[in-house]
Amino acid sequence: MNRRDLIQRVLAGGAVLVMAPSVLESCTKGSSSEIGGVATPSRIDLELSSPLNSALGSTGGWMVVQNTIIINTGNAIYAALSSICTHQGCNVEYNSSAGIIQCPCHGSQFTTTGSVVQGPAARPLQTFPVSVSGNILTILL
């Protein structure tokens, strides 16, 4: 393989890596907006009566959708936060018995409003507005 062939293959591979996220993102729920030429979701719509979302049917139930942790905090109130820990990027989980969001990698803990309870994370989790209309839960990203 000569230098020209190598450069063409590297460029073609790079183009695939750049395009793959935008192609995969187009399959997500909700609408999207164009930012810097790449489609990004601007909202998540979940039908609460769907079996796929049954985890949200009871207090303490939670699920992760599009890097967003959604928690039923009770009394038809839901919290939506980034599911990515601000310490080193691990995926957080909700501990319903303790009522806290935990990072399994390094032990950071957060409230359902995103505030840091215990480090090593120093920054809070990003929160997103949530609304419910009928059986549809909408999260604005």
N, C-alpha and C. Protein backbone atom coordinates (compact mmCIF):
# COMPACT_ATOMS: atom_id res chain seq x y z
N MET A 1 0.85 -1.16 0.00
CA MET A 1 0.00 0.00 0.00
C MET A 1 0.90 1.23 0.00
N ASN A 2 0.60 2.14 -0.91
CA ASN A 2 1.41 3.36 -0.98
C ASN A 2 0.81 4.43 -0.06
N ARG A 3 1.49 5.52 0.06
CA ARG A 3 1.10 6.61 0.96
C ARG A 3 -0.28 7.18 0.59
N ARG A 4 -0.54 7.34 -0.70
CA ARG A 4 -1.82 7.89 -1.14
C ARG A 4 -2.98 6.99 -0.75
N ASP A 5 -2.83 5.67 -0.93
CA ASP A 5 -3.88 4.72 -0.54
C ASP A 5 -4.11 4.77 0.97
N LEU A 6 -3.06 4.84 1.74
CA LEU A 6 -3.17 4.90 3.19
C LEU A 6 -3.95 6.15 3.61
N ILE A 7 -3.62 7.29 3.06
CA ILE A 7 -4.30 8.54 3.42
C ILE A 7 -5.77 8.46 3.04
N GLN A 8 -6.09 7.91 1.86
CA GLN A 8 -7.49 7.79 1.44
C GLN A 8 -8.28 6.88 2.39
N ARG A 9 -7.67 5.79 2.83
CA ARG A 9 -8.35 4.87 3.74
C ARG A 9 -8.56 5.50 5.12
N VAL A 10 -7.57 6.23 5.60
CA VAL A 10 -7.70 6.91 6.89
C VAL A 10 -8.80 7.97 6.83
N LEU A 11 -8.83 8.74 5.74
CA LEU A 11 -9.87 9.76 5.59
C LEU A 11 -11.26 9.13 5.48
N ALA A 12 -11.38 8.04 4.75
CA ALA A 12 -12.68 7.37 4.61
C ALA A 12 -13.13 6.82 5.96
N GLY A 13 -12.22 6.22 6.72
CA GLY A 13 -12.55 5.71 8.05
C GLY A 13 -12.95 6.84 8.99
N GLY A 14 -12.24 7.95 8.93
CA GLY A 14 -12.58 9.11 9.76
C GLY A 14 -13.95 9.66 9.43
N ALA A 15 -14.30 9.67 8.15
CA ALA A 15 -15.63 10.16 7.74
C ALA A 15 -16.72 9.27 8.31
N VAL A 16 -16.50 7.96 8.33
CA VAL A 16 -17.47 7.04 8.90
C VAL A 16 -17.64 7.31 10.39
N LEU A 17 -16.54 7.52 11.10
CA LEU A 17 -16.61 7.80 12.53
C LEU A 17 -17.34 9.10 12.82
N VAL A 18 -17.17 10.08 11.98
CA VAL A 18 -17.83 11.37 12.18
C VAL A 18 -19.32 11.26 11.86
N MET A 19 -19.68 10.51 10.84
CA MET A 19 -21.07 10.42 10.40
C MET A 19 -21.89 9.45 11.24
N ALA A 20 -21.29 8.42 11.81
CA ALA A 20 -22.04 7.39 12.53
C ALA A 20 -22.90 7.96 13.67
N PRO A 21 -22.38 8.84 14.53
CA PRO A 21 -23.24 9.36 15.60
C PRO A 21 -24.48 10.09 15.08
N SER A 22 -24.34 10.87 14.02
CA SER A 22 -25.51 11.61 13.52
C SER A 22 -26.51 10.66 12.88
N VAL A 23 -26.06 9.60 12.25
CA VAL A 23 -26.97 8.62 11.66
C VAL A 23 -27.70 7.87 12.78
N LEU A 24 -26.99 7.44 13.81
CA LEU A 24 -27.62 6.74 14.91
C LEU A 24 -28.54 7.65 15.69
N GLU A 25 -28.19 8.89 15.86
CA GLU A 25 -29.00 9.85 16.61
C GLU A 25 -30.34 10.09 15.94
N SER A 26 -30.40 9.96 14.63
CA SER A 26 -31.66 10.22 13.94
C SER A 26 -32.72 9.18 14.26
N CYS A 27 -32.36 8.10 14.93
CA CYS A 27 -33.31 7.07 15.28
C CYS A 27 -33.89 7.24 16.68
N THR A 28 -33.58 8.31 17.37
CA THR A 28 -34.03 8.49 18.74
C THR A 28 -35.41 9.11 18.78
N LYS A 29 -36.07 8.96 19.96
CA LYS A 29 -37.38 9.56 20.16
C LYS A 29 -37.25 11.05 20.34
N GLY A 30 -38.32 11.76 20.06
CA GLY A 30 -38.35 13.21 20.29
C GLY A 30 -37.89 13.96 19.07
N SER A 31 -37.98 15.28 19.16
CA SER A 31 -37.55 16.11 18.05
C SER A 31 -36.07 16.41 18.19
N SER A 32 -35.50 17.04 17.17
CA SER A 32 -34.09 17.37 17.23
C SER A 32 -33.87 18.75 16.66
N SER A 33 -32.73 19.30 17.00
CA SER A 33 -32.35 20.59 16.45
C SER A 33 -30.95 20.47 15.87
N GLU A 34 -30.62 21.34 15.01
CA GLU A 34 -29.34 21.32 14.32
C GLU A 34 -28.35 22.22 15.06
N ILE A 35 -27.28 21.63 15.60
CA ILE A 35 -26.25 22.40 16.29
C ILE A 35 -24.91 22.03 15.66
N GLY A 36 -24.26 23.00 15.08
CA GLY A 36 -22.96 22.75 14.46
C GLY A 36 -23.02 21.70 13.37
N GLY A 37 -24.16 21.57 12.69
CA GLY A 37 -24.27 20.62 11.59
C GLY A 37 -24.57 19.21 12.03
N VAL A 38 -24.74 18.95 13.34
CA VAL A 38 -25.03 17.62 13.84
C VAL A 38 -26.38 17.65 14.54
N ALA A 39 -27.26 16.72 14.19
CA ALA A 39 -28.58 16.68 14.83
C ALA A 39 -28.44 16.22 16.28
N THR A 40 -29.03 16.95 17.21
CA THR A 40 -29.03 16.58 18.61
C THR A 40 -30.46 16.59 19.13
N PRO A 41 -30.80 15.63 19.99
CA PRO A 41 -32.16 15.61 20.50
C PRO A 41 -32.41 16.80 21.39
N SER A 42 -33.60 17.37 21.32
CA SER A 42 -33.95 18.49 22.18
C SER A 42 -34.99 18.10 23.21
N ARG A 43 -35.57 16.90 23.06
CA ARG A 43 -36.54 16.43 24.04
C ARG A 43 -36.69 14.92 23.96
N ILE A 44 -37.19 14.37 25.05
CA ILE A 44 -37.51 12.96 25.11
C ILE A 44 -38.98 12.88 25.50
N ASP A 45 -39.76 12.13 24.75
CA ASP A 45 -41.16 11.88 25.07
C ASP A 45 -41.32 10.41 25.41
N LEU A 46 -41.87 10.11 26.59
CA LEU A 46 -42.09 8.73 27.00
C LEU A 46 -43.56 8.52 27.31
N GLU A 47 -44.13 7.48 26.78
CA GLU A 47 -45.51 7.13 27.10
C GLU A 47 -45.47 6.29 28.39
N LEU A 48 -46.00 6.84 29.46
CA LEU A 48 -45.91 6.19 30.77
C LEU A 48 -46.70 4.89 30.83
N SER A 49 -47.72 4.73 29.98
CA SER A 49 -48.52 3.50 29.98
C SER A 49 -47.86 2.37 29.19
N SER A 50 -46.78 2.66 28.50
CA SER A 50 -46.09 1.63 27.72
C SER A 50 -45.33 0.68 28.64
N PRO A 51 -45.38 -0.62 28.35
CA PRO A 51 -44.61 -1.59 29.14
C PRO A 51 -43.10 -1.29 29.13
N LEU A 52 -42.62 -0.66 28.08
CA LEU A 52 -41.19 -0.31 28.01
C LEU A 52 -40.78 0.69 29.09
N ASN A 53 -41.75 1.45 29.59
CA ASN A 53 -41.46 2.49 30.60
C ASN A 53 -42.07 2.14 31.95
N SER A 54 -42.37 0.87 32.18
CA SER A 54 -43.05 0.44 33.41
C SER A 54 -42.22 0.74 34.66
N ALA A 55 -40.91 0.86 34.55
CA ALA A 55 -40.07 1.17 35.71
C ALA A 55 -40.46 2.51 36.34
N LEU A 56 -41.03 3.40 35.55
CA LEU A 56 -41.41 4.72 36.06
C LEU A 56 -42.80 4.73 36.70
N GLY A 57 -43.46 3.58 36.74
CA GLY A 57 -44.82 3.49 37.23
C GLY A 57 -44.97 3.57 38.74
N SER A 58 -43.89 3.41 39.48
CA SER A 58 -43.99 3.45 40.94
C SER A 58 -42.90 4.36 41.52
N THR A 59 -43.19 4.86 42.71
CA THR A 59 -42.23 5.72 43.41
C THR A 59 -40.91 4.98 43.58
N GLY A 60 -39.81 5.64 43.25
CA GLY A 60 -38.48 5.04 43.32
C GLY A 60 -38.07 4.35 42.04
N GLY A 61 -38.99 4.19 41.11
CA GLY A 61 -38.66 3.57 39.84
C GLY A 61 -37.82 4.52 39.00
N TRP A 62 -36.93 3.96 38.20
CA TRP A 62 -36.04 4.79 37.38
C TRP A 62 -35.62 4.03 36.14
N MET A 63 -35.16 4.80 35.16
CA MET A 63 -34.60 4.22 33.94
C MET A 63 -33.68 5.26 33.29
N VAL A 64 -32.84 4.79 32.39
CA VAL A 64 -31.92 5.68 31.67
C VAL A 64 -32.30 5.65 30.20
N VAL A 65 -32.48 6.84 29.62
CA VAL A 65 -32.80 7.00 28.21
C VAL A 65 -31.90 8.11 27.67
N GLN A 66 -31.18 7.85 26.62
CA GLN A 66 -30.32 8.86 25.96
C GLN A 66 -29.45 9.61 26.97
N ASN A 67 -28.71 8.88 27.79
CA ASN A 67 -27.82 9.46 28.80
C ASN A 67 -28.54 10.37 29.79
N THR A 68 -29.83 10.09 30.02
CA THR A 68 -30.63 10.84 30.98
C THR A 68 -31.25 9.84 31.94
N ILE A 69 -31.00 10.03 33.25
CA ILE A 69 -31.63 9.19 34.25
C ILE A 69 -32.94 9.86 34.65
N ILE A 70 -34.01 9.08 34.57
CA ILE A 70 -35.35 9.58 34.88
C ILE A 70 -35.83 8.82 36.10
N ILE A 71 -36.28 9.56 37.12
CA ILE A 71 -36.65 8.97 38.41
C ILE A 71 -38.06 9.40 38.79
N ASN A 72 -38.88 8.44 39.20
CA ASN A 72 -40.20 8.75 39.77
C ASN A 72 -39.95 9.02 41.25
N THR A 73 -40.03 10.28 41.66
CA THR A 73 -39.75 10.66 43.05
C THR A 73 -41.00 10.63 43.92
N GLY A 74 -42.15 10.30 43.35
CA GLY A 74 -43.39 10.18 44.10
C GLY A 74 -44.36 11.30 43.79
N ASN A 75 -45.65 11.06 44.09
CA ASN A 75 -46.71 12.05 43.86
C ASN A 75 -46.73 12.58 42.43
N ALA A 76 -46.51 11.70 41.46
CA ALA A 76 -46.50 12.07 40.03
C ALA A 76 -45.45 13.12 39.71
N ILE A 77 -44.35 13.12 40.46
CA ILE A 77 -43.23 14.04 40.21
C ILE A 77 -42.05 13.21 39.72
N TYR A 78 -41.43 13.70 38.67
CA TYR A 78 -40.30 13.00 38.06
C TYR A 78 -39.09 13.92 38.02
N ALA A 79 -37.91 13.34 38.18
CA ALA A 79 -36.65 14.07 38.05
C ALA A 79 -35.92 13.52 36.84
N ALA A 80 -35.27 14.40 36.09
CA ALA A 80 -34.46 13.99 34.93
C ALA A 80 -33.11 14.69 35.02
N LEU A 81 -32.05 13.90 34.99
CA LEU A 81 -30.70 14.42 35.14
C LEU A 81 -29.78 13.70 34.17
N SER A 82 -28.62 14.28 33.94
CA SER A 82 -27.61 13.59 33.15
C SER A 82 -27.23 12.32 33.89
N SER A 83 -27.10 11.22 33.17
CA SER A 83 -26.71 9.95 33.79
C SER A 83 -25.20 9.77 33.79
N ILE A 84 -24.47 10.81 33.41
CA ILE A 84 -23.02 10.74 33.33
C ILE A 84 -22.42 11.46 34.54
N CYS A 85 -21.68 10.75 35.37
CA CYS A 85 -21.07 11.34 36.56
C CYS A 85 -20.09 12.43 36.15
N THR A 86 -20.13 13.53 36.89
CA THR A 86 -19.26 14.66 36.58
C THR A 86 -17.82 14.44 37.02
N HIS A 87 -17.53 13.34 37.71
CA HIS A 87 -16.16 13.07 38.14
C HIS A 87 -15.33 12.50 36.99
N GLN A 88 -15.71 11.33 36.51
CA GLN A 88 -14.94 10.72 35.42
C GLN A 88 -15.80 10.06 34.35
N GLY A 89 -17.07 10.45 34.30
CA GLY A 89 -17.90 10.02 33.18
C GLY A 89 -18.54 8.66 33.28
N CYS A 90 -18.57 8.04 34.44
CA CYS A 90 -19.25 6.75 34.59
C CYS A 90 -20.76 6.96 34.59
N ASN A 91 -21.51 5.90 34.32
CA ASN A 91 -22.97 5.97 34.33
C ASN A 91 -23.47 5.79 35.76
N VAL A 92 -24.29 6.74 36.21
CA VAL A 92 -24.82 6.69 37.57
C VAL A 92 -26.07 5.81 37.63
N GLU A 93 -26.46 5.44 38.85
CA GLU A 93 -27.63 4.62 39.10
C GLU A 93 -28.40 5.22 40.27
N TYR A 94 -29.68 4.92 40.36
CA TYR A 94 -30.49 5.44 41.46
C TYR A 94 -30.67 4.38 42.53
N ASN A 95 -30.42 4.74 43.77
CA ASN A 95 -30.63 3.87 44.92
C ASN A 95 -31.93 4.34 45.57
N SER A 96 -33.03 3.67 45.27
CA SER A 96 -34.33 4.14 45.74
C SER A 96 -34.48 4.02 47.25
N SER A 97 -33.85 3.03 47.88
CA SER A 97 -33.99 2.90 49.33
C SER A 97 -33.28 4.04 50.06
N ALA A 98 -32.20 4.54 49.50
CA ALA A 98 -31.48 5.67 50.11
C ALA A 98 -31.94 7.01 49.53
N GLY A 99 -32.63 6.98 48.39
CA GLY A 99 -33.09 8.20 47.75
C GLY A 99 -31.98 9.04 47.15
N ILE A 100 -30.88 8.37 46.73
CA ILE A 100 -29.75 9.09 46.15
C ILE A 100 -29.32 8.45 44.84
N ILE A 101 -28.65 9.26 44.04
CA ILE A 101 -28.05 8.79 42.79
C ILE A 101 -26.59 8.49 43.10
N GLN A 102 -26.13 7.32 42.70
CA GLN A 102 -24.78 6.89 43.03
C GLN A 102 -23.97 6.58 41.77
N CYS A 103 -22.68 6.87 41.86
CA CYS A 103 -21.75 6.47 40.81
C CYS A 103 -21.06 5.21 41.29
N PRO A 104 -21.21 4.10 40.57
CA PRO A 104 -20.59 2.85 41.00
C PRO A 104 -19.07 2.82 40.83
N CYS A 105 -18.52 3.73 40.08
CA CYS A 105 -17.08 3.70 39.81
C CYS A 105 -16.23 4.23 40.97
N HIS A 106 -16.60 5.39 41.51
CA HIS A 106 -15.77 6.01 42.54
C HIS A 106 -16.54 6.47 43.77
N GLY A 107 -17.84 6.16 43.83
CA GLY A 107 -18.62 6.42 45.04
C GLY A 107 -19.26 7.79 45.17
N SER A 108 -19.22 8.61 44.14
CA SER A 108 -19.89 9.91 44.25
C SER A 108 -21.39 9.68 44.44
N GLN A 109 -22.02 10.61 45.18
CA GLN A 109 -23.45 10.52 45.42
C GLN A 109 -24.08 11.88 45.15
N PHE A 110 -25.31 11.85 44.62
CA PHE A 110 -26.03 13.07 44.23
C PHE A 110 -27.47 12.97 44.71
N THR A 111 -28.10 14.12 44.94
CA THR A 111 -29.53 14.17 45.23
C THR A 111 -30.29 14.09 43.91
N THR A 112 -31.59 13.96 43.99
CA THR A 112 -32.41 13.93 42.78
C THR A 112 -32.54 15.31 42.15
N THR A 113 -31.97 16.33 42.79
CA THR A 113 -31.89 17.66 42.17
C THR A 113 -30.51 17.90 41.58
N GLY A 114 -29.64 16.88 41.64
CA GLY A 114 -28.32 16.94 41.03
C GLY A 114 -27.19 17.37 41.94
N SER A 115 -27.49 17.86 43.14
CA SER A 115 -26.46 18.35 44.05
C SER A 115 -25.55 17.21 44.51
N VAL A 116 -24.28 17.53 44.71
CA VAL A 116 -23.31 16.55 45.19
C VAL A 116 -23.51 16.34 46.69
N VAL A 117 -23.68 15.09 47.10
CA VAL A 117 -23.79 14.73 48.51
C VAL A 117 -22.43 14.26 49.01
N GLN A 118 -21.74 13.50 48.16
CA GLN A 118 -20.44 12.95 48.52
C GLN A 118 -19.58 12.88 47.27
N GLY A 119 -18.32 13.30 47.39
CA GLY A 119 -17.39 13.27 46.27
C GLY A 119 -16.84 11.89 46.04
N PRO A 120 -15.96 11.81 45.07
CA PRO A 120 -15.03 12.82 44.58
C PRO A 120 -15.60 13.81 43.56
N ALA A 121 -16.80 13.59 43.04
CA ALA A 121 -17.36 14.57 42.09
C ALA A 121 -17.49 15.92 42.79
N ALA A 122 -17.10 16.98 42.10
CA ALA A 122 -17.19 18.34 42.67
C ALA A 122 -18.33 19.13 42.05
N ARG A 123 -18.77 18.73 40.85
CA ARG A 123 -19.84 19.45 40.15
C ARG A 123 -21.13 18.65 40.20
N PRO A 124 -22.27 19.34 40.24
CA PRO A 124 -23.57 18.64 40.26
C PRO A 124 -23.89 18.03 38.90
N LEU A 125 -24.85 17.11 38.90
CA LEU A 125 -25.36 16.55 37.65
C LEU A 125 -26.26 17.59 36.99
N GLN A 126 -26.22 17.65 35.68
CA GLN A 126 -27.10 18.56 34.96
C GLN A 126 -28.54 18.06 35.08
N THR A 127 -29.46 18.98 35.35
CA THR A 127 -30.88 18.62 35.45
C THR A 127 -31.63 19.13 34.23
N PHE A 128 -32.77 18.48 33.94
CA PHE A 128 -33.58 18.84 32.79
C PHE A 128 -35.04 19.02 33.23
N PRO A 129 -35.74 20.00 32.65
CA PRO A 129 -37.16 20.20 32.98
C PRO A 129 -38.01 19.01 32.52
N VAL A 130 -38.98 18.65 33.37
CA VAL A 130 -39.87 17.52 33.10
C VAL A 130 -41.31 18.00 33.20
N SER A 131 -42.16 17.53 32.29
CA SER A 131 -43.59 17.81 32.38
C SER A 131 -44.35 16.54 32.02
N VAL A 132 -45.57 16.45 32.55
CA VAL A 132 -46.44 15.31 32.26
C VAL A 132 -47.76 15.85 31.74
N SER A 133 -48.18 15.32 30.61
CA SER A 133 -49.47 15.68 30.04
C SER A 133 -50.18 14.37 29.68
N GLY A 134 -51.21 14.02 30.45
CA GLY A 134 -51.86 12.73 30.26
C GLY A 134 -50.90 11.62 30.60
N ASN A 135 -50.63 10.72 29.65
CA ASN A 135 -49.69 9.62 29.85
C ASN A 135 -48.32 9.89 29.24
N ILE A 136 -48.08 11.13 28.80
CA ILE A 136 -46.81 11.44 28.14
C ILE A 136 -45.92 12.27 29.07
N LEU A 137 -44.75 11.74 29.35
CA LEU A 137 -43.74 12.44 30.12
C LEU A 137 -42.76 13.06 29.13
N THR A 138 -42.53 14.37 29.23
CA THR A 138 -41.63 15.07 28.31
C THR A 138 -40.47 15.65 29.08
N ILE A 139 -39.28 15.42 28.58
CA ILE A 139 -38.05 15.95 29.17
C ILE A 139 -37.42 16.85 28.13
N LEU A 140 -37.17 18.10 28.49
CA LEU A 140 -36.52 19.05 27.58
C LEU A 140 -35.02 19.01 27.85
N LEU A 141 -34.27 18.70 26.81
CA LEU A 141 -32.80 18.60 26.95
C LEU A 141 -32.13 19.89 26.59
